[in-house]
Amino acid sequence: MTVGTIMEDSHISLSKWVLAFHKICSSKKGISALQLQRELGLGSYKSAWFMAHRIRLALEKSPLAEKLSGIVEADETYVGGKPARDSGKRGRGTKKTPVVVAVERNGKAFSKPVDNISSAEIEKKVLSQVDHTSVLMTDEYTTYIPIGRTFGGHHRILHSSGEYSRGFIYTNTAESYFSLLKRGVIGIFHFISRKHMERYCAEFDFRWDHRQALGYNDSQRRDAAVSRIEGKRLMFAQLLRG
């Protein structure tokens, strides 16, 4: 029954897997592996940690998923890792992992860690998942300018001048997404390494895409997650390598 799914070769009962899906999907900021171990009565922290990462893999969007469209906000933030001790810098220029999100107004999101915040990297890793007839909303960071030329429109909000909205031009939706992500990192997970960040992004994307405002309750969100278990496999050795 579990062959060809994320649960293949697992010694954990199917009922506990379903419960784990429910807890991860119903927790707004996520659930730590330690808490998952306690609530499911698992034998070790290692089992809970591995289980959670396998579930995150299941939550990843298919490469064939429908692209984001309409008015789409894009923004970047820095999470996980540790800032350079001697630089005193925050955000751009630190050793934290840069994460970029594209998020529809009143719709879905796609976030991913990037190697750098160049135009080419952001376009390749994140904005390639946005339909180019969309209207793009960003802050004034210059890396978005060449990308914006490839969309149906591009509007920039000037945060450096104290501007946070100008009519329908704002990036508040993307900022709300990152606020939720950061609360999860700081309050639940405490530290996320660069090599695992992509799966955590998938987890937060999934809950955002299946939030209550879009008509999903906890059970429906869990069922949507469980429907994604086939054709995905994550080995423990592979997880350690990243």
C-alpha atoms as a PDB file:
ATOM      1  CA  MET A   1       0.000   0.000   0.000  1.00  0.00           C
ATOM      2  CA  THR A   2       2.907   2.357   0.687  1.00  0.00           C
ATOM      3  CA  VAL A   3       5.144   1.222  -2.211  1.00  0.00           C
ATOM      4  CA  GLY A   4       5.937   4.110  -4.529  1.00  0.00           C
ATOM      5  CA  THR A   5       5.019   6.724  -1.926  1.00  0.00           C
ATOM      6  CA  ILE A   6       6.926   8.834   0.586  1.00  0.00           C
ATOM      7  CA  MET A   7       6.021   6.205   3.207  1.00  0.00           C
ATOM      8  CA  GLU A   8       7.750   3.312   1.451  1.00  0.00           C
ATOM      9  CA  ASP A   9       9.884   1.171   3.812  1.00  0.00           C
ATOM     10  CA  SER A  10       8.633   3.104   6.841  1.00  0.00           C
ATOM     11  CA  HIS A  11       8.048   1.142  10.052  1.00  0.00           C
ATOM     12  CA  ILE A  12       5.663   3.806  11.340  1.00  0.00           C
ATOM     13  CA  SER A  13       1.985   2.857  11.192  1.00  0.00           C
ATOM     14  CA  LEU A  14      -0.236   4.323   8.497  1.00  0.00           C
ATOM     15  CA  SER A  15      -2.512   5.870  11.128  1.00  0.00           C
ATOM     16  CA  LYS A  16       0.428   7.805  12.584  1.00  0.00           C
ATOM     17  CA  TRP A  17       1.419   8.998   9.127  1.00  0.00           C
ATOM     18  CA  VAL A  18      -2.079  10.371   8.545  1.00  0.00           C
ATOM     19  CA  LEU A  19      -2.007  12.043  11.959  1.00  0.00           C
ATOM     20  CA  ALA A  20       1.392  13.575  11.169  1.00  0.00           C
ATOM     21  CA  PHE A  21       0.006  14.980   7.923  1.00  0.00           C
ATOM     22  CA  HIS A  22      -2.900  16.466   9.859  1.00  0.00           C
ATOM     23  CA  LYS A  23      -0.683  18.100  12.476  1.00  0.00           C
ATOM     24  CA  ILE A  24       1.694  19.617   9.912  1.00  0.00           C
ATOM     25  CA  CYS A  25      -1.179  20.851   7.751  1.00  0.00           C
ATOM     26  CA  SER A  26      -3.231  22.298  10.614  1.00  0.00           C
ATOM     27  CA  SER A  27      -0.390  24.128  12.379  1.00  0.00           C
ATOM     28  CA  LYS A  28      -0.199  27.642  10.972  1.00  0.00           C
ATOM     29  CA  LYS A  29       3.530  27.982  11.649  1.00  0.00           C
ATOM     30  CA  GLY A  30       4.419  24.288  11.422  1.00  0.00           C
ATOM     31  CA  ILE A  31       5.309  21.783  14.114  1.00  0.00           C
ATOM     32  CA  SER A  32       8.775  20.842  15.350  1.00  0.00           C
ATOM     33  CA  ALA A  33      10.111  17.308  15.042  1.00  0.00           C
ATOM     34  CA  LEU A  34      10.377  17.138  18.840  1.00  0.00           C
ATOM     35  CA  GLN A  35       6.699  18.017  19.246  1.00  0.00           C
ATOM     36  CA  LEU A  36       5.766  15.568  16.494  1.00  0.00           C
ATOM     37  CA  GLN A  37       7.704  12.832  18.302  1.00  0.00           C
ATOM     38  CA  ARG A  38       5.864  13.539  21.564  1.00  0.00           C
ATOM     39  CA  GLU A  39       2.369  13.805  20.096  1.00  0.00           C
ATOM     40  CA  LEU A  40       2.672  10.703  17.902  1.00  0.00           C
ATOM     41  CA  GLY A  41       4.578   8.637  20.473  1.00  0.00           C
ATOM     42  CA  LEU A  42       7.442   7.944  18.073  1.00  0.00           C
ATOM     43  CA  GLY A  43      10.488   6.086  19.342  1.00  0.00           C
ATOM     44  CA  SER A  44      13.079   8.702  18.459  1.00  0.00           C
ATOM     45  CA  TYR A  45      13.601  12.294  17.399  1.00  0.00           C
ATOM     46  CA  LYS A  46      15.362  10.981  14.285  1.00  0.00           C
ATOM     47  CA  SER A  47      12.202   9.155  13.168  1.00  0.00           C
ATOM     48  CA  ALA A  48      10.073  12.278  13.631  1.00  0.00           C
ATOM     49  CA  TRP A  49      12.607  14.500  11.831  1.00  0.00           C
ATOM     50  CA  PHE A  50      12.831  12.101   8.878  1.00  0.00           C
ATOM     51  CA  MET A  51       9.046  11.743   8.775  1.00  0.00           C
ATOM     52  CA  ALA A  52       8.506  15.516   8.694  1.00  0.00           C
ATOM     53  CA  HIS A  53      10.956  15.958   5.824  1.00  0.00           C
ATOM     54  CA  ARG A  54       9.284  13.206   3.824  1.00  0.00           C
ATOM     55  CA  ILE A  55       5.958  14.956   4.293  1.00  0.00           C
ATOM     56  CA  ARG A  56       7.494  18.260   3.184  1.00  0.00           C
ATOM     57  CA  LEU A  57       8.714  16.526   0.036  1.00  0.00           C
ATOM     58  CA  ALA A  58       5.142  15.407  -0.641  1.00  0.00           C
ATOM     59  CA  LEU A  59       3.956  19.000  -0.281  1.00  0.00           C
ATOM     60  CA  GLU A  60       6.247  20.302  -3.028  1.00  0.00           C
ATOM     61  CA  LYS A  61       4.449  21.616  -6.087  1.00  0.00           C
ATOM     62  CA  SER A  62       4.614  19.620  -9.293  1.00  0.00           C
ATOM     63  CA  PRO A  63       6.806  21.164 -12.027  1.00  0.00           C
ATOM     64  CA  LEU A  64       3.638  21.003 -14.141  1.00  0.00           C
ATOM     65  CA  ALA A  65       1.581  23.038 -11.665  1.00  0.00           C
ATOM     66  CA  GLU A  66      -0.369  25.954 -13.095  1.00  0.00           C
ATOM     67  CA  LYS A  67       1.684  29.150 -13.094  1.00  0.00           C
ATOM     68  CA  LEU A  68       0.798  32.099 -10.889  1.00  0.00           C
ATOM     69  CA  SER A  69      -1.116  34.805 -12.716  1.00  0.00           C
ATOM     70  CA  GLY A  70      -2.958  38.108 -12.417  1.00  0.00           C
ATOM     71  CA  ILE A  71      -1.365  40.637 -10.081  1.00  0.00           C
ATOM     72  CA  VAL A  72       1.687  38.927  -8.576  1.00  0.00           C
ATOM     73  CA  GLU A  73       3.894  40.366  -5.847  1.00  0.00           C
ATOM     74  CA  ALA A  74       7.558  39.370  -5.582  1.00  0.00           C
ATOM     75  CA  ASP A  75       9.896  39.996  -2.680  1.00  0.00           C
ATOM     76  CA  GLU A  76      12.961  38.543  -1.006  1.00  0.00           C
ATOM     77  CA  THR A  77      13.971  37.954   2.582  1.00  0.00           C
ATOM     78  CA  TYR A  78      16.778  36.263   4.513  1.00  0.00           C
ATOM     79  CA  VAL A  79      16.203  33.340   6.843  1.00  0.00           C
ATOM     80  CA  GLY A  80      18.099  30.514   8.525  1.00  0.00           C
ATOM     81  CA  GLY A  81      21.839  30.398   8.783  1.00  0.00           C
ATOM     82  CA  LYS A  82      23.799  32.862  10.856  1.00  0.00           C
ATOM     83  CA  PRO A  83      24.694  36.448   9.937  1.00  0.00           C
ATOM     84  CA  ALA A  84      28.373  37.278   9.471  1.00  0.00           C
ATOM     85  CA  ARG A  85      29.687  38.226  12.922  1.00  0.00           C
ATOM     86  CA  ASP A  86      32.035  40.934  11.760  1.00  0.00           C
ATOM     87  CA  SER A  87      29.880  42.716   9.183  1.00  0.00           C
ATOM     88  CA  GLY A  88      27.041  44.046  11.287  1.00  0.00           C
ATOM     89  CA  LYS A  89      24.866  43.707   8.186  1.00  0.00           C
ATOM     90  CA  ARG A  90      21.277  42.578   8.026  1.00  0.00           C
ATOM     91  CA  GLY A  91      19.439  41.174   5.026  1.00  0.00           C
ATOM     92  CA  ARG A  92      21.296  41.729   1.769  1.00  0.00           C
ATOM     93  CA  GLY A  93      24.975  41.067   2.356  1.00  0.00           C
ATOM     94  CA  THR A  94      24.672  38.575   5.237  1.00  0.00           C
ATOM     95  CA  LYS A  95      25.352  34.849   5.351  1.00  0.00           C
ATOM     96  CA  LYS A  96      21.671  34.061   5.809  1.00  0.00           C
ATOM     97  CA  THR A  97      19.838  32.173   3.075  1.00  0.00           C
ATOM     98  CA  PRO A  98      18.024  34.423   0.598  1.00  0.00           C
ATOM     99  CA  VAL A  99      14.474  33.295  -0.129  1.00  0.00           C
ATOM    100  CA  VAL A 100      12.319  34.784  -2.881  1.00  0.00           C
ATOM    101  CA  VAL A 101       8.536  34.534  -3.040  1.00  0.00           C
ATOM    102  CA  ALA A 102       6.038  35.234  -5.795  1.00  0.00           C
ATOM    103  CA  VAL A 103       2.477  35.455  -4.507  1.00  0.00           C
ATOM    104  CA  GLU A 104      -0.826  36.131  -6.203  1.00  0.00           C
ATOM    105  CA  ARG A 105      -3.191  38.687  -4.759  1.00  0.00           C
ATOM    106  CA  ASN A 106      -5.788  36.588  -2.915  1.00  0.00           C
ATOM    107  CA  GLY A 107      -4.258  33.417  -4.328  1.00  0.00           C
ATOM    108  CA  LYS A 108      -1.310  31.062  -4.277  1.00  0.00           C
ATOM    109  CA  ALA A 109       2.395  31.436  -3.567  1.00  0.00           C
ATOM    110  CA  PHE A 110       5.681  29.979  -4.757  1.00  0.00           C
ATOM    111  CA  SER A 111       8.831  30.478  -2.700  1.00  0.00           C
ATOM    112  CA  LYS A 112      12.303  29.092  -2.993  1.00  0.00           C
ATOM    113  CA  PRO A 113      15.813  29.664  -1.642  1.00  0.00           C
ATOM    114  CA  VAL A 114      18.162  31.182  -4.192  1.00  0.00           C
ATOM    115  CA  ASP A 115      21.944  31.189  -4.442  1.00  0.00           C
ATOM    116  CA  ASN A 116      21.991  34.951  -4.872  1.00  0.00           C
ATOM    117  CA  ILE A 117      19.572  37.755  -5.639  1.00  0.00           C
ATOM    118  CA  SER A 118      20.643  38.475  -9.186  1.00  0.00           C
ATOM    119  CA  SER A 119      17.995  39.000 -11.845  1.00  0.00           C
ATOM    120  CA  ALA A 120      18.949  35.771 -13.617  1.00  0.00           C
ATOM    121  CA  GLU A 121      18.746  33.669 -10.446  1.00  0.00           C
ATOM    122  CA  ILE A 122      15.391  35.078  -9.343  1.00  0.00           C
ATOM    123  CA  GLU A 123      13.936  34.634 -12.820  1.00  0.00           C
ATOM    124  CA  LYS A 124      15.205  31.049 -13.085  1.00  0.00           C
ATOM    125  CA  LYS A 125      14.254  29.801  -9.616  1.00  0.00           C
ATOM    126  CA  VAL A 126      11.036  31.678  -8.847  1.00  0.00           C
ATOM    127  CA  LEU A 127       9.589  34.024 -11.436  1.00  0.00           C
ATOM    128  CA  SER A 128       9.722  31.330 -14.122  1.00  0.00           C
ATOM    129  CA  GLN A 129       6.687  29.984 -12.230  1.00  0.00           C
ATOM    130  CA  VAL A 130       4.714  33.164 -12.993  1.00  0.00           C
ATOM    131  CA  ASP A 131       2.766  33.660 -16.214  1.00  0.00           C
ATOM    132  CA  HIS A 132       4.421  36.508 -18.104  1.00  0.00           C
ATOM    133  CA  THR A 133       1.098  38.150 -18.887  1.00  0.00           C
ATOM    134  CA  SER A 134       0.915  38.908 -15.137  1.00  0.00           C
ATOM    135  CA  VAL A 135       1.433  42.351 -13.634  1.00  0.00           C
ATOM    136  CA  LEU A 136       4.433  42.265 -11.290  1.00  0.00           C
ATOM    137  CA  MET A 137       4.658  44.240  -8.033  1.00  0.00           C
ATOM    138  CA  THR A 138       8.032  44.640  -6.301  1.00  0.00           C
ATOM    139  CA  ASP A 139       9.973  47.052  -4.155  1.00  0.00           C
ATOM    140  CA  GLU A 140      12.514  49.375  -5.751  1.00  0.00           C
ATOM    141  CA  TYR A 141      15.420  46.915  -5.614  1.00  0.00           C
ATOM    142  CA  THR A 142      17.103  47.216  -9.015  1.00  0.00           C
ATOM    143  CA  THR A 143      17.457  43.471  -9.585  1.00  0.00           C
ATOM    144  CA  TYR A 144      13.731  43.347 -10.426  1.00  0.00           C
ATOM    145  CA  ILE A 145      13.894  45.961 -13.198  1.00  0.00           C
ATOM    146  CA  PRO A 146      15.132  43.729 -16.070  1.00  0.00           C
ATOM    147  CA  ILE A 147      12.803  40.935 -14.943  1.00  0.00           C
ATOM    148  CA  GLY A 148       9.855  43.309 -14.876  1.00  0.00           C
ATOM    149  CA  ARG A 149      10.323  44.162 -18.544  1.00  0.00           C
ATOM    150  CA  THR A 150       9.332  40.602 -19.463  1.00  0.00           C
ATOM    151  CA  PHE A 151       5.930  40.821 -17.751  1.00  0.00           C
ATOM    152  CA  GLY A 152       2.622  42.392 -18.721  1.00  0.00           C
ATOM    153  CA  GLY A 153       3.450  45.264 -16.396  1.00  0.00           C
ATOM    154  CA  HIS A 154       5.799  46.103 -13.538  1.00  0.00           C
ATOM    155  CA  HIS A 155       5.130  48.520 -10.679  1.00  0.00           C
ATOM    156  CA  ARG A 156       7.594  49.346  -7.914  1.00  0.00           C
ATOM    157  CA  ILE A 157       6.883  50.613  -4.420  1.00  0.00           C
ATOM    158  CA  LEU A 158       9.526  52.916  -2.930  1.00  0.00           C
ATOM    159  CA  HIS A 159      10.092  51.622   0.586  1.00  0.00           C
ATOM    160  CA  SER A 160      13.278  53.669   0.955  1.00  0.00           C
ATOM    161  CA  SER A 161      11.160  56.826   0.658  1.00  0.00           C
ATOM    162  CA  GLY A 162       8.725  55.641   3.301  1.00  0.00           C
ATOM    163  CA  GLU A 163       6.170  54.506   0.740  1.00  0.00           C
ATOM    164  CA  TYR A 164       4.253  51.305   1.490  1.00  0.00           C
ATOM    165  CA  SER A 165       1.298  51.531  -0.877  1.00  0.00           C
ATOM    166  CA  ARG A 166       0.181  53.631  -3.817  1.00  0.00           C
ATOM    167  CA  GLY A 167      -3.311  52.677  -4.829  1.00  0.00           C
ATOM    168  CA  PHE A 168      -3.181  49.049  -5.958  1.00  0.00           C
ATOM    169  CA  ILE A 169       0.634  49.113  -5.943  1.00  0.00           C
ATOM    170  CA  TYR A 170       2.047  47.376  -2.866  1.00  0.00           C
ATOM    171  CA  THR A 171       3.863  44.223  -1.741  1.00  0.00           C
ATOM    172  CA  ASN A 172       1.948  43.697   1.502  1.00  0.00           C
ATOM    173  CA  THR A 173       0.816  40.200   0.485  1.00  0.00           C
ATOM    174  CA  ALA A 174       4.393  39.006  -0.027  1.00  0.00           C
ATOM    175  CA  GLU A 175       5.395  40.640   3.243  1.00  0.00           C
ATOM    176  CA  SER A 176       2.558  38.820   5.038  1.00  0.00           C
ATOM    177  CA  TYR A 177       3.804  35.527   3.608  1.00  0.00           C
ATOM    178  CA  PHE A 178       7.326  36.203   4.856  1.00  0.00           C
ATOM    179  CA  SER A 179       6.039  37.284   8.261  1.00  0.00           C
ATOM    180  CA  LEU A 180       4.408  33.873   8.636  1.00  0.00           C
ATOM    181  CA  LEU A 181       7.522  32.063   7.389  1.00  0.00           C
ATOM    182  CA  LYS A 182       9.780  33.935   9.804  1.00  0.00           C
ATOM    183  CA  ARG A 183       7.469  33.333  12.759  1.00  0.00           C
ATOM    184  CA  GLY A 184       7.686  29.640  11.951  1.00  0.00           C
ATOM    185  CA  VAL A 185      11.467  29.693  11.688  1.00  0.00           C
ATOM    186  CA  ILE A 186      11.995  31.698  14.877  1.00  0.00           C
ATOM    187  CA  GLY A 187       9.217  30.278  17.033  1.00  0.00           C
ATOM    188  CA  ILE A 188       9.007  26.642  15.909  1.00  0.00           C
ATOM    189  CA  PHE A 189      12.094  25.472  14.023  1.00  0.00           C
ATOM    190  CA  HIS A 190      14.659  27.948  15.454  1.00  0.00           C
ATOM    191  CA  PHE A 191      17.224  27.116  12.774  1.00  0.00           C
ATOM    192  CA  ILE A 192      16.934  25.881   9.184  1.00  0.00           C
ATOM    193  CA  SER A 193      20.037  24.990   7.202  1.00  0.00           C
ATOM    194  CA  ARG A 194      20.396  26.054   3.597  1.00  0.00           C
ATOM    195  CA  LYS A 195      20.297  22.475   2.324  1.00  0.00           C
ATOM    196  CA  HIS A 196      16.808  21.874   3.755  1.00  0.00           C
ATOM    197  CA  MET A 197      15.275  25.297   3.126  1.00  0.00           C
ATOM    198  CA  GLU A 198      13.530  24.324  -0.111  1.00  0.00           C
ATOM    199  CA  ARG A 199      11.383  21.719   1.624  1.00  0.00           C
ATOM    200  CA  TYR A 200      10.393  24.153   4.376  1.00  0.00           C
ATOM    201  CA  CYS A 201       9.391  26.656   1.690  1.00  0.00           C
ATOM    202  CA  ALA A 202       7.224  23.951   0.113  1.00  0.00           C
ATOM    203  CA  GLU A 203       5.528  23.378   3.473  1.00  0.00           C
ATOM    204  CA  PHE A 204       4.676  27.056   3.927  1.00  0.00           C
ATOM    205  CA  ASP A 205       3.590  27.377   0.282  1.00  0.00           C
ATOM    206  CA  PHE A 206       1.220  24.448   0.701  1.00  0.00           C
ATOM    207  CA  ARG A 207      -0.475  25.842   3.784  1.00  0.00           C
ATOM    208  CA  TRP A 208      -0.725  29.271   2.133  1.00  0.00           C
ATOM    209  CA  ASP A 209      -2.307  27.767  -0.997  1.00  0.00           C
ATOM    210  CA  HIS A 210      -4.788  25.785   1.111  1.00  0.00           C
ATOM    211  CA  ARG A 211      -5.586  28.373   3.778  1.00  0.00           C
ATOM    212  CA  GLN A 212      -9.008  29.008   5.253  1.00  0.00           C
ATOM    213  CA  ALA A 213      -9.480  32.186   3.192  1.00  0.00           C
ATOM    214  CA  LEU A 214      -9.391  30.018   0.050  1.00  0.00           C
ATOM    215  CA  GLY A 215     -12.040  27.669   1.434  1.00  0.00           C
ATOM    216  CA  TYR A 216     -10.009  24.901   3.106  1.00  0.00           C
ATOM    217  CA  ASN A 217     -10.494  23.544   6.601  1.00  0.00           C
ATOM    218  CA  ASP A 218      -7.895  21.422   8.411  1.00  0.00           C
ATOM    219  CA  SER A 219      -9.266  18.103   7.166  1.00  0.00           C
ATOM    220  CA  GLN A 220      -9.498  19.261   3.555  1.00  0.00           C
ATOM    221  CA  ARG A 221      -5.950  20.600   3.763  1.00  0.00           C
ATOM    222  CA  ARG A 222      -4.724  17.254   5.130  1.00  0.00           C
ATOM    223  CA  ASP A 223      -6.545  15.314   2.414  1.00  0.00           C
ATOM    224  CA  ALA A 224      -5.020  17.545  -0.275  1.00  0.00           C
ATOM    225  CA  ALA A 225      -1.582  16.835   1.196  1.00  0.00           C
ATOM    226  CA  VAL A 226      -2.095  13.072   1.406  1.00  0.00           C
ATOM    227  CA  SER A 227      -3.138  13.046  -2.261  1.00  0.00           C
ATOM    228  CA  ARG A 228       0.441  14.043  -3.168  1.00  0.00           C
ATOM    229  CA  ILE A 229       2.304  11.108  -1.623  1.00  0.00           C
ATOM    230  CA  GLU A 230       2.792   9.012  -4.764  1.00  0.00           C
ATOM    231  CA  GLY A 231       5.907   9.003  -6.912  1.00  0.00           C
ATOM    232  CA  LYS A 232       8.118  10.707  -4.337  1.00  0.00           C
ATOM    233  CA  ARG A 233      10.895   9.105  -2.303  1.00  0.00           C
ATOM    234  CA  LEU A 234      13.399  10.525   0.164  1.00  0.00           C
ATOM    235  CA  MET A 235      16.113   8.306   1.650  1.00  0.00           C
ATOM    236  CA  PHE A 236      17.712   9.172   4.986  1.00  0.00           C
ATOM    237  CA  ALA A 237      21.214   9.261   3.483  1.00  0.00           C
ATOM    238  CA  GLN A 238      19.923  11.595   0.784  1.00  0.00           C
ATOM    239  CA  LEU A 239      18.394  13.833   3.456  1.00  0.00           C
ATOM    240  CA  LEU A 240      21.704  14.102   5.292  1.00  0.00           C
ATOM    241  CA  ARG A 241      23.454  15.091   2.065  1.00  0.00           C
ATOM    242  CA  GLY A 242      20.820  17.742   1.436  1.00  0.00           C
END
